[in-house]
């Protein structure tokens, strides 16, 4: 793996990537917009300035931009602030290019309208909410700024397999095993992807010096409702605890794309990566929760 800086190393994906990068390059740089402590450096996307990081001087060849505002509601409610973050990200990309550092940007399946699904790497962008619009704007500007030496990685819903991590499978298991009810949309169709698969795929993309836009996503297609029903079944919980609903029932003042499944044509061609089975992941999560439940019962007795 080439020496890579992680912009936004304290986030969910950034922290995991930073740990992997340090295995190959112990002195690689990771940044945060919070006060600096430990082994990371300060960088605020509202006013980025990478000069102090000395990336090229310290042998960095690439920088992965993980830092971002991730909430759809935040982007809708705080448009001016999040637009400033978007513009700052574009400025950061310009600075990286000027230093000869390859920018790697994490985009999202929300750059599509979700009307038909199965969007390939070159599908036309048509976002339906502010979050998707800002991601799409960075994609467009990045192509103009970088010419050829860049990588845009489009991601879907990411999860891990740690007990209590509050990612999608763990969250479902937590509610169901406690006797709660999940409201799950039958028309929210996506391809959830294990974080370790994302990291492995990115490392292989870097190793093969892949450029351009690449969808990185599990090939499996699930609705949120079917995912919750499968989780209930594996936990031995009644499927009546899963309430079928539509995204339209949320009554939100903005749209959510309904079918954001991605076709990984370039990923298959470039590295032919094999993703972890989602059913295998569900089983692992349910096993963890069942063991924890048994342990809790024994302790209480």
C-alpha atoms as a PDB file:
ATOM      1  CA  UNK A   1       0.000   0.000   0.000  1.00  0.00           C
ATOM      2  CA  UNK A   2       1.414   3.368  -0.981  1.00  0.00           C
ATOM      3  CA  UNK A   3       1.905   5.901   1.790  1.00  0.00           C
ATOM      4  CA  UNK A   4      -1.503   7.477   2.289  1.00  0.00           C
ATOM      5  CA  UNK A   5      -2.768  10.288   4.492  1.00  0.00           C
ATOM      6  CA  UNK A   6      -6.235   9.897   6.026  1.00  0.00           C
ATOM      7  CA  UNK A   7      -8.253  13.114   6.101  1.00  0.00           C
ATOM      8  CA  UNK A   8     -10.807  12.603   8.855  1.00  0.00           C
ATOM      9  CA  UNK A   9      -9.110   9.762  10.715  1.00  0.00           C
ATOM     10  CA  UNK A  10     -11.376   9.908  13.793  1.00  0.00           C
ATOM     11  CA  UNK A  11     -14.544   8.993  11.884  1.00  0.00           C
ATOM     12  CA  UNK A  12     -16.110   5.558  11.462  1.00  0.00           C
ATOM     13  CA  UNK A  13     -14.339   4.623   8.226  1.00  0.00           C
ATOM     14  CA  UNK A  14     -11.360   6.918   8.705  1.00  0.00           C
ATOM     15  CA  UNK A  15     -10.308   5.321  11.984  1.00  0.00           C
ATOM     16  CA  UNK A  16     -10.287   1.830  10.490  1.00  0.00           C
ATOM     17  CA  UNK A  17      -8.397   2.977   7.398  1.00  0.00           C
ATOM     18  CA  UNK A  18      -5.855   4.853   9.465  1.00  0.00           C
ATOM     19  CA  UNK A  19      -5.102   1.714  11.483  1.00  0.00           C
ATOM     20  CA  UNK A  20      -4.486  -0.238   8.270  1.00  0.00           C
ATOM     21  CA  UNK A  21      -2.323   2.488   6.735  1.00  0.00           C
ATOM     22  CA  UNK A  22      -0.128   2.633   9.829  1.00  0.00           C
ATOM     23  CA  UNK A  23       0.667  -1.071   9.499  1.00  0.00           C
ATOM     24  CA  UNK A  24       2.476  -0.322   6.249  1.00  0.00           C
ATOM     25  CA  UNK A  25       3.634   3.210   7.066  1.00  0.00           C
ATOM     26  CA  UNK A  26       3.809   3.925  10.822  1.00  0.00           C
ATOM     27  CA  UNK A  27       4.421   7.640  10.220  1.00  0.00           C
ATOM     28  CA  UNK A  28       1.479   8.188   7.860  1.00  0.00           C
ATOM     29  CA  UNK A  29      -0.615  11.251   8.664  1.00  0.00           C
ATOM     30  CA  UNK A  30      -4.183  11.279   9.908  1.00  0.00           C
ATOM     31  CA  UNK A  31      -6.100  14.515  10.410  1.00  0.00           C
ATOM     32  CA  UNK A  32      -9.022  15.757  12.494  1.00  0.00           C
ATOM     33  CA  UNK A  33     -10.808  19.100  12.782  1.00  0.00           C
ATOM     34  CA  UNK A  34     -10.896  18.658  16.546  1.00  0.00           C
ATOM     35  CA  UNK A  35      -8.093  19.822  18.828  1.00  0.00           C
ATOM     36  CA  UNK A  36      -5.001  17.744  18.158  1.00  0.00           C
ATOM     37  CA  UNK A  37      -3.830  15.150  20.611  1.00  0.00           C
ATOM     38  CA  UNK A  38      -2.294  11.740  20.212  1.00  0.00           C
ATOM     39  CA  UNK A  39      -0.982  10.851  16.771  1.00  0.00           C
ATOM     40  CA  UNK A  40      -3.125  13.004  14.499  1.00  0.00           C
ATOM     41  CA  UNK A  41      -2.885  16.444  12.910  1.00  0.00           C
ATOM     42  CA  UNK A  42      -5.327  19.328  12.620  1.00  0.00           C
ATOM     43  CA  UNK A  43      -7.178  20.091   9.396  1.00  0.00           C
ATOM     44  CA  UNK A  44     -10.537  21.839   9.136  1.00  0.00           C
ATOM     45  CA  UNK A  45     -12.443  21.473   5.865  1.00  0.00           C
ATOM     46  CA  UNK A  46     -14.047  24.868   6.414  1.00  0.00           C
ATOM     47  CA  UNK A  47     -10.637  26.414   5.758  1.00  0.00           C
ATOM     48  CA  UNK A  48      -8.205  23.694   4.676  1.00  0.00           C
ATOM     49  CA  UNK A  49      -4.469  24.298   4.452  1.00  0.00           C
ATOM     50  CA  UNK A  50      -2.282  21.236   3.981  1.00  0.00           C
ATOM     51  CA  UNK A  51       1.032  23.118   3.914  1.00  0.00           C
ATOM     52  CA  UNK A  52       1.844  22.286   7.552  1.00  0.00           C
ATOM     53  CA  UNK A  53       1.248  18.569   6.938  1.00  0.00           C
ATOM     54  CA  UNK A  54       4.196  18.395   4.515  1.00  0.00           C
ATOM     55  CA  UNK A  55       2.650  15.435   2.727  1.00  0.00           C
ATOM     56  CA  UNK A  56       4.897  15.315  -0.330  1.00  0.00           C
ATOM     57  CA  UNK A  57       7.991  16.025   1.748  1.00  0.00           C
ATOM     58  CA  UNK A  58       7.215  13.072   4.047  1.00  0.00           C
ATOM     59  CA  UNK A  59       6.666  10.657   1.152  1.00  0.00           C
ATOM     60  CA  UNK A  60       2.874  10.544   0.970  1.00  0.00           C
ATOM     61  CA  UNK A  61       1.566   9.637  -2.482  1.00  0.00           C
ATOM     62  CA  UNK A  62      -2.170   9.713  -1.823  1.00  0.00           C
ATOM     63  CA  UNK A  63      -4.761  11.131   0.572  1.00  0.00           C
ATOM     64  CA  UNK A  64      -8.111   9.508   1.346  1.00  0.00           C
ATOM     65  CA  UNK A  65     -10.806  12.063   2.151  1.00  0.00           C
ATOM     66  CA  UNK A  66     -13.067  10.504   4.776  1.00  0.00           C
ATOM     67  CA  UNK A  67     -14.050  13.756   6.488  1.00  0.00           C
ATOM     68  CA  UNK A  68     -17.613  14.794   5.669  1.00  0.00           C
ATOM     69  CA  UNK A  69     -21.021  15.691   7.058  1.00  0.00           C
ATOM     70  CA  UNK A  70     -22.849  12.353   6.923  1.00  0.00           C
ATOM     71  CA  UNK A  71     -26.404  13.094   8.051  1.00  0.00           C
ATOM     72  CA  UNK A  72     -29.107  13.715   5.452  1.00  0.00           C
ATOM     73  CA  UNK A  73     -31.087  15.821   7.926  1.00  0.00           C
ATOM     74  CA  UNK A  74     -28.047  17.930   8.811  1.00  0.00           C
ATOM     75  CA  UNK A  75     -27.447  18.768   5.158  1.00  0.00           C
ATOM     76  CA  UNK A  76     -31.088  19.789   4.720  1.00  0.00           C
ATOM     77  CA  UNK A  77     -31.282  21.840   7.912  1.00  0.00           C
ATOM     78  CA  UNK A  78     -27.846  23.447   7.729  1.00  0.00           C
ATOM     79  CA  UNK A  79     -27.365  23.954   4.003  1.00  0.00           C
ATOM     80  CA  UNK A  80     -25.064  26.960   4.183  1.00  0.00           C
ATOM     81  CA  UNK A  81     -22.724  25.313   6.686  1.00  0.00           C
ATOM     82  CA  UNK A  82     -22.548  22.022   4.794  1.00  0.00           C
ATOM     83  CA  UNK A  83     -22.056  23.852   1.485  1.00  0.00           C
ATOM     84  CA  UNK A  84     -19.036  25.544   3.037  1.00  0.00           C
ATOM     85  CA  UNK A  85     -17.721  22.074   3.936  1.00  0.00           C
ATOM     86  CA  UNK A  86     -18.272  21.005   0.336  1.00  0.00           C
ATOM     87  CA  UNK A  87     -16.382  24.016  -0.995  1.00  0.00           C
ATOM     88  CA  UNK A  88     -13.602  23.353   1.524  1.00  0.00           C
ATOM     89  CA  UNK A  89     -13.345  19.762   0.283  1.00  0.00           C
ATOM     90  CA  UNK A  90     -12.923  21.051  -3.258  1.00  0.00           C
ATOM     91  CA  UNK A  91     -10.192  23.446  -2.075  1.00  0.00           C
ATOM     92  CA  UNK A  92      -8.482  20.528  -0.335  1.00  0.00           C
ATOM     93  CA  UNK A  93      -8.544  18.509  -3.549  1.00  0.00           C
ATOM     94  CA  UNK A  94      -6.966  21.435  -5.414  1.00  0.00           C
ATOM     95  CA  UNK A  95      -4.198  21.671  -2.812  1.00  0.00           C
ATOM     96  CA  UNK A  96      -3.505  17.936  -2.982  1.00  0.00           C
ATOM     97  CA  UNK A  97      -3.244  18.029  -6.766  1.00  0.00           C
ATOM     98  CA  UNK A  98      -0.865  20.983  -6.576  1.00  0.00           C
ATOM     99  CA  UNK A  99       1.417  18.950  -4.278  1.00  0.00           C
ATOM    100  CA  UNK A 100       1.277  15.892  -6.547  1.00  0.00           C
ATOM    101  CA  UNK A 101      -0.802  13.881  -4.060  1.00  0.00           C
ATOM    102  CA  UNK A 102      -3.486  11.596  -5.515  1.00  0.00           C
ATOM    103  CA  UNK A 103      -6.896  12.458  -3.971  1.00  0.00           C
ATOM    104  CA  UNK A 104      -9.182   9.551  -3.091  1.00  0.00           C
ATOM    105  CA  UNK A 105     -12.699  10.709  -2.266  1.00  0.00           C
ATOM    106  CA  UNK A 106     -15.517   8.748  -0.646  1.00  0.00           C
ATOM    107  CA  UNK A 107     -18.766   9.507  -2.425  1.00  0.00           C
ATOM    108  CA  UNK A 108     -22.169   7.895  -1.917  1.00  0.00           C
ATOM    109  CA  UNK A 109     -24.991   6.013  -3.602  1.00  0.00           C
ATOM    110  CA  UNK A 110     -27.166   9.072  -2.830  1.00  0.00           C
ATOM    111  CA  UNK A 111     -25.804  10.794  -5.957  1.00  0.00           C
ATOM    112  CA  UNK A 112     -28.530   8.830  -7.785  1.00  0.00           C
ATOM    113  CA  UNK A 113     -32.291   9.390  -7.727  1.00  0.00           C
ATOM    114  CA  UNK A 114     -33.081   5.815  -6.681  1.00  0.00           C
ATOM    115  CA  UNK A 115     -35.835   5.316  -9.238  1.00  0.00           C
ATOM    116  CA  UNK A 116     -34.446   2.187 -10.879  1.00  0.00           C
ATOM    117  CA  UNK A 117     -31.348   0.983  -9.009  1.00  0.00           C
ATOM    118  CA  UNK A 118     -28.436  -0.975 -10.483  1.00  0.00           C
ATOM    119  CA  UNK A 119     -26.362   2.159 -11.136  1.00  0.00           C
ATOM    120  CA  UNK A 120     -23.020   1.448 -12.748  1.00  0.00           C
ATOM    121  CA  UNK A 121     -19.828   3.466 -12.304  1.00  0.00           C
ATOM    122  CA  UNK A 122     -20.631   5.844 -15.162  1.00  0.00           C
ATOM    123  CA  UNK A 123     -24.374   6.260 -14.588  1.00  0.00           C
ATOM    124  CA  UNK A 124     -25.530   9.913 -14.812  1.00  0.00           C
ATOM    125  CA  UNK A 125     -25.824  11.665 -11.456  1.00  0.00           C
ATOM    126  CA  UNK A 126     -29.256  12.845 -10.388  1.00  0.00           C
ATOM    127  CA  UNK A 127     -29.438  13.421  -6.615  1.00  0.00           C
ATOM    128  CA  UNK A 128     -32.797  14.150  -4.972  1.00  0.00           C
ATOM    129  CA  UNK A 129     -31.649  15.645  -1.650  1.00  0.00           C
ATOM    130  CA  UNK A 130     -29.045  18.131  -0.414  1.00  0.00           C
ATOM    131  CA  UNK A 131     -26.642  15.471   0.841  1.00  0.00           C
ATOM    132  CA  UNK A 132     -26.580  13.773  -2.555  1.00  0.00           C
ATOM    133  CA  UNK A 133     -26.292  17.118  -4.363  1.00  0.00           C
ATOM    134  CA  UNK A 134     -23.196  18.058  -2.378  1.00  0.00           C
ATOM    135  CA  UNK A 135     -21.589  14.667  -3.006  1.00  0.00           C
ATOM    136  CA  UNK A 136     -22.374  14.969  -6.715  1.00  0.00           C
ATOM    137  CA  UNK A 137     -20.892  18.477  -6.847  1.00  0.00           C
ATOM    138  CA  UNK A 138     -17.609  17.236  -5.397  1.00  0.00           C
ATOM    139  CA  UNK A 139     -17.565  14.368  -7.905  1.00  0.00           C
ATOM    140  CA  UNK A 140     -18.042  16.757 -10.838  1.00  0.00           C
ATOM    141  CA  UNK A 141     -15.492  19.280  -9.649  1.00  0.00           C
ATOM    142  CA  UNK A 142     -12.961  16.582  -8.802  1.00  0.00           C
ATOM    143  CA  UNK A 143     -13.012  15.281 -12.368  1.00  0.00           C
ATOM    144  CA  UNK A 144     -12.329  18.809 -13.659  1.00  0.00           C
ATOM    145  CA  UNK A 145      -9.545  19.546 -11.175  1.00  0.00           C
ATOM    146  CA  UNK A 146      -7.661  16.248 -11.182  1.00  0.00           C
ATOM    147  CA  UNK A 147      -7.805  15.334 -14.865  1.00  0.00           C
ATOM    148  CA  UNK A 148      -6.662  11.689 -14.611  1.00  0.00           C
ATOM    149  CA  UNK A 149      -4.914  11.124 -11.261  1.00  0.00           C
ATOM    150  CA  UNK A 150      -7.807  10.663  -8.819  1.00  0.00           C
ATOM    151  CA  UNK A 151     -10.088   7.981  -7.407  1.00  0.00           C
ATOM    152  CA  UNK A 152     -13.740   8.396  -6.443  1.00  0.00           C
ATOM    153  CA  UNK A 153     -15.032   5.491  -4.368  1.00  0.00           C
ATOM    154  CA  UNK A 154     -18.826   5.275  -4.194  1.00  0.00           C
ATOM    155  CA  UNK A 155     -20.033   3.580  -1.038  1.00  0.00           C
ATOM    156  CA  UNK A 156     -23.343   2.267   0.266  1.00  0.00           C
ATOM    157  CA  UNK A 157     -24.501   1.575   3.838  1.00  0.00           C
ATOM    158  CA  UNK A 158     -21.434   0.383   5.765  1.00  0.00           C
ATOM    159  CA  UNK A 159     -21.478  -1.826   8.856  1.00  0.00           C
ATOM    160  CA  UNK A 160     -19.146  -3.748  11.135  1.00  0.00           C
ATOM    161  CA  UNK A 161     -19.481  -6.962  13.135  1.00  0.00           C
ATOM    162  CA  UNK A 162     -18.746  -5.764  16.645  1.00  0.00           C
ATOM    163  CA  UNK A 163     -21.198  -6.232  19.486  1.00  0.00           C
ATOM    164  CA  UNK A 164     -22.788  -2.899  20.381  1.00  0.00           C
ATOM    165  CA  UNK A 165     -21.315  -0.980  17.421  1.00  0.00           C
ATOM    166  CA  UNK A 166     -24.760   0.512  16.585  1.00  0.00           C
ATOM    167  CA  UNK A 167     -24.362  -0.119  12.865  1.00  0.00           C
ATOM    168  CA  UNK A 168     -27.365  -1.452  10.964  1.00  0.00           C
ATOM    169  CA  UNK A 169     -27.260  -5.184  11.839  1.00  0.00           C
ATOM    170  CA  UNK A 170     -26.254  -4.632  15.440  1.00  0.00           C
ATOM    171  CA  UNK A 171     -28.974  -2.014  15.851  1.00  0.00           C
ATOM    172  CA  UNK A 172     -31.633  -4.370  14.477  1.00  0.00           C
ATOM    173  CA  UNK A 173     -30.478  -7.200  16.752  1.00  0.00           C
ATOM    174  CA  UNK A 174     -30.494  -4.901  19.769  1.00  0.00           C
ATOM    175  CA  UNK A 175     -34.112  -3.872  19.227  1.00  0.00           C
ATOM    176  CA  UNK A 176     -35.444  -7.331  18.365  1.00  0.00           C
ATOM    177  CA  UNK A 177     -33.740  -9.273  21.135  1.00  0.00           C
ATOM    178  CA  UNK A 178     -35.090  -6.805  23.712  1.00  0.00           C
ATOM    179  CA  UNK A 179     -38.648  -7.394  22.451  1.00  0.00           C
ATOM    180  CA  UNK A 180     -38.900  -4.128  20.571  1.00  0.00           C
ATOM    181  CA  UNK A 181     -40.448  -3.469  17.163  1.00  0.00           C
ATOM    182  CA  UNK A 182     -38.578  -2.353  14.065  1.00  0.00           C
ATOM    183  CA  UNK A 183     -40.245  -0.208  11.425  1.00  0.00           C
ATOM    184  CA  UNK A 184     -38.495  -1.218   8.202  1.00  0.00           C
ATOM    185  CA  UNK A 185     -39.137   0.111   4.702  1.00  0.00           C
ATOM    186  CA  UNK A 186     -39.873  -2.481   2.032  1.00  0.00           C
ATOM    187  CA  UNK A 187     -39.043   0.104  -0.639  1.00  0.00           C
ATOM    188  CA  UNK A 188     -35.617   1.060   0.715  1.00  0.00           C
ATOM    189  CA  UNK A 189     -33.458  -1.197  -1.413  1.00  0.00           C
ATOM    190  CA  UNK A 190     -29.706  -1.137  -1.035  1.00  0.00           C
ATOM    191  CA  UNK A 191     -26.537  -3.187  -0.816  1.00  0.00           C
ATOM    192  CA  UNK A 192     -25.105  -2.994   2.699  1.00  0.00           C
ATOM    193  CA  UNK A 193     -21.365  -3.618   2.813  1.00  0.00           C
ATOM    194  CA  UNK A 194     -18.979  -4.839   5.496  1.00  0.00           C
ATOM    195  CA  UNK A 195     -16.347  -2.254   6.458  1.00  0.00           C
ATOM    196  CA  UNK A 196     -13.462  -4.723   6.261  1.00  0.00           C
ATOM    197  CA  UNK A 197     -14.477  -5.504   2.664  1.00  0.00           C
ATOM    198  CA  UNK A 198     -14.401  -1.799   1.823  1.00  0.00           C
ATOM    199  CA  UNK A 199     -10.910  -1.427   3.292  1.00  0.00           C
ATOM    200  CA  UNK A 200      -9.606  -4.518   1.496  1.00  0.00           C
ATOM    201  CA  UNK A 201     -11.067  -3.325  -1.807  1.00  0.00           C
ATOM    202  CA  UNK A 202      -9.542   0.147  -1.439  1.00  0.00           C
ATOM    203  CA  UNK A 203      -6.129  -1.340  -0.699  1.00  0.00           C
ATOM    204  CA  UNK A 204      -6.342  -3.453  -3.862  1.00  0.00           C
ATOM    205  CA  UNK A 205      -7.520  -0.471  -5.915  1.00  0.00           C
ATOM    206  CA  UNK A 206      -4.503   1.465  -4.689  1.00  0.00           C
ATOM    207  CA  UNK A 207      -2.156  -1.444  -5.350  1.00  0.00           C
ATOM    208  CA  UNK A 208      -3.388  -1.577  -8.951  1.00  0.00           C
ATOM    209  CA  UNK A 209      -3.244   2.230  -9.308  1.00  0.00           C
ATOM    210  CA  UNK A 210      -6.894   2.400 -10.363  1.00  0.00           C
ATOM    211  CA  UNK A 211      -8.204   5.859 -11.239  1.00  0.00           C
ATOM    212  CA  UNK A 212     -11.603   7.363 -12.024  1.00  0.00           C
ATOM    213  CA  UNK A 213     -14.921   6.378 -10.435  1.00  0.00           C
ATOM    214  CA  UNK A 214     -15.405   2.966  -8.854  1.00  0.00           C
ATOM    215  CA  UNK A 215     -18.504   1.635  -7.096  1.00  0.00           C
ATOM    216  CA  UNK A 216     -17.457  -0.356  -4.018  1.00  0.00           C
ATOM    217  CA  UNK A 217     -20.431  -2.327  -2.776  1.00  0.00           C
ATOM    218  CA  UNK A 218     -21.578  -5.822  -1.959  1.00  0.00           C
ATOM    219  CA  UNK A 219     -23.378  -7.312  -4.997  1.00  0.00           C
ATOM    220  CA  UNK A 220     -26.247  -8.523  -2.788  1.00  0.00           C
ATOM    221  CA  UNK A 221     -29.547  -6.645  -2.964  1.00  0.00           C
ATOM    222  CA  UNK A 222     -31.686  -6.297   0.166  1.00  0.00           C
ATOM    223  CA  UNK A 223     -34.620  -4.217   1.278  1.00  0.00           C
ATOM    224  CA  UNK A 224     -34.427  -2.922   4.826  1.00  0.00           C
ATOM    225  CA  UNK A 225     -37.609  -4.880   5.574  1.00  0.00           C
ATOM    226  CA  UNK A 226     -36.216  -8.210   4.289  1.00  0.00           C
ATOM    227  CA  UNK A 227     -33.008  -7.598   6.224  1.00  0.00           C
ATOM    228  CA  UNK A 228     -34.950  -7.068   9.466  1.00  0.00           C
ATOM    229  CA  UNK A 229     -37.116 -10.152   8.870  1.00  0.00           C
ATOM    230  CA  UNK A 230     -34.002 -12.259   8.268  1.00  0.00           C
ATOM    231  CA  UNK A 231     -32.467 -10.904  11.451  1.00  0.00           C
ATOM    232  CA  UNK A 232     -35.629 -11.752  13.425  1.00  0.00           C
ATOM    233  CA  UNK A 233     -35.648 -15.267  11.991  1.00  0.00           C
ATOM    234  CA  UNK A 234     -32.000 -15.876  12.958  1.00  0.00           C
ATOM    235  CA  UNK A 235     -32.637 -14.554  16.470  1.00  0.00           C
ATOM    236  CA  UNK A 236     -35.699 -16.751  16.888  1.00  0.00           C
ATOM    237  CA  UNK A 237     -37.902 -13.673  17.213  1.00  0.00           C
ATOM    238  CA  UNK A 238     -41.358 -13.402  15.632  1.00  0.00           C
ATOM    239  CA  UNK A 239     -41.430 -11.544  12.326  1.00  0.00           C
ATOM    240  CA  UNK A 240     -44.422  -9.677  13.798  1.00  0.00           C
ATOM    241  CA  UNK A 241     -41.789  -7.577  15.556  1.00  0.00           C
ATOM    242  CA  UNK A 242     -40.876  -6.170  12.133  1.00  0.00           C
ATOM    243  CA  UNK A 243     -43.383  -3.571  10.954  1.00  0.00           C
ATOM    244  CA  UNK A 244     -43.515  -3.177   7.171  1.00  0.00           C
ATOM    245  CA  UNK A 245     -43.597   0.433   6.022  1.00  0.00           C
ATOM    246  CA  UNK A 246     -42.668   2.722   3.121  1.00  0.00           C
ATOM    247  CA  UNK A 247     -40.060   5.461   3.099  1.00  0.00           C
ATOM    248  CA  UNK A 248     -42.948   7.762   2.213  1.00  0.00           C
ATOM    249  CA  UNK A 249     -44.438   7.047   5.648  1.00  0.00           C
ATOM    250  CA  UNK A 250     -41.566   8.921   7.283  1.00  0.00           C
ATOM    251  CA  UNK A 251     -43.138  12.202   6.200  1.00  0.00           C
ATOM    252  CA  UNK A 252     -39.754  13.885   5.887  1.00  0.00           C
ATOM    253  CA  UNK A 253     -39.465  17.277   4.155  1.00  0.00           C
ATOM    254  CA  UNK A 254     -36.862  15.846   1.786  1.00  0.00           C
ATOM    255  CA  UNK A 255     -36.631  12.787  -0.440  1.00  0.00           C
ATOM    256  CA  UNK A 256     -34.641   9.647   0.157  1.00  0.00           C
ATOM    257  CA  UNK A 257     -33.661   7.673  -2.946  1.00  0.00           C
ATOM    258  CA  UNK A 258     -35.430   4.313  -2.713  1.00  0.00           C
ATOM    259  CA  UNK A 259     -33.325   1.923  -4.786  1.00  0.00           C
ATOM    260  CA  UNK A 260     -29.639   2.800  -4.619  1.00  0.00           C
ATOM    261  CA  UNK A 261     -28.116  -0.546  -5.545  1.00  0.00           C
ATOM    262  CA  UNK A 262     -24.793  -0.255  -7.352  1.00  0.00           C
ATOM    263  CA  UNK A 263     -23.283  -2.323 -10.147  1.00  0.00           C
ATOM    264  CA  UNK A 264     -19.595  -2.956  -9.470  1.00  0.00           C
ATOM    265  CA  UNK A 265     -18.492  -3.358 -13.078  1.00  0.00           C
ATOM    266  CA  UNK A 266     -15.112  -1.643 -12.740  1.00  0.00           C
ATOM    267  CA  UNK A 267     -14.374  -3.242  -9.374  1.00  0.00           C
ATOM    268  CA  UNK A 268     -14.995  -6.681 -10.891  1.00  0.00           C
ATOM    269  CA  UNK A 269     -12.772  -5.884 -13.857  1.00  0.00           C
ATOM    270  CA  UNK A 270      -9.937  -4.291 -11.898  1.00  0.00           C
ATOM    271  CA  UNK A 271      -9.596  -6.527  -8.818  1.00  0.00           C
ATOM    272  CA  UNK A 272     -12.443  -9.122  -8.899  1.00  0.00           C
ATOM    273  CA  UNK A 273     -13.020  -8.779  -5.160  1.00  0.00           C
ATOM    274  CA  UNK A 274     -15.270 -11.296  -3.387  1.00  0.00           C
ATOM    275  CA  UNK A 275     -17.477  -9.715  -0.720  1.00  0.00           C
ATOM    276  CA  UNK A 276     -18.527 -11.360   2.520  1.00  0.00           C
ATOM    277  CA  UNK A 277     -21.983 -12.959   2.450  1.00  0.00           C
ATOM    278  CA  UNK A 278     -24.608 -10.808   4.188  1.00  0.00           C
ATOM    279  CA  UNK A 279     -26.350 -13.893   5.570  1.00  0.00           C
ATOM    280  CA  UNK A 280     -23.023 -14.933   7.097  1.00  0.00           C
ATOM    281  CA  UNK A 281     -22.762 -11.471   8.669  1.00  0.00           C
ATOM    282  CA  UNK A 282     -26.325 -11.689  10.034  1.00  0.00           C
ATOM    283  CA  UNK A 283     -25.542 -15.060  11.599  1.00  0.00           C
ATOM    284  CA  UNK A 284     -22.403 -13.708  13.242  1.00  0.00           C
ATOM    285  CA  UNK A 285     -24.284 -10.736  14.709  1.00  0.00           C
ATOM    286  CA  UNK A 286     -27.148 -12.896  15.979  1.00  0.00           C
ATOM    287  CA  UNK A 287     -24.677 -15.343  17.552  1.00  0.00           C
ATOM    288  CA  UNK A 288     -23.020 -12.460  19.408  1.00  0.00           C
ATOM    289  CA  UNK A 289     -26.337 -11.151  20.705  1.00  0.00           C
ATOM    290  CA  UNK A 290     -27.625 -14.584  21.714  1.00  0.00           C
ATOM    291  CA  UNK A 291     -24.415 -15.310  23.628  1.00  0.00           C
ATOM    292  CA  UNK A 292     -24.617 -11.948  25.352  1.00  0.00           C
ATOM    293  CA  UNK A 293     -28.253 -12.572  26.274  1.00  0.00           C
ATOM    294  CA  UNK A 294     -27.367 -15.979  27.763  1.00  0.00           C
ATOM    295  CA  UNK A 295     -24.496 -14.448  29.719  1.00  0.00           C
ATOM    296  CA  UNK A 296     -26.767 -11.712  31.094  1.00  0.00           C
ATOM    297  CA  UNK A 297     -29.361 -14.264  32.218  1.00  0.00           C
ATOM    298  CA  UNK A 298     -26.689 -16.358  34.011  1.00  0.00           C
ATOM    299  CA  UNK A 299     -25.257 -13.304  35.777  1.00  0.00           C
ATOM    300  CA  UNK A 300     -28.707 -12.133  36.912  1.00  0.00           C
ATOM    301  CA  UNK A 301     -29.516 -15.590  38.271  1.00  0.00           C
END
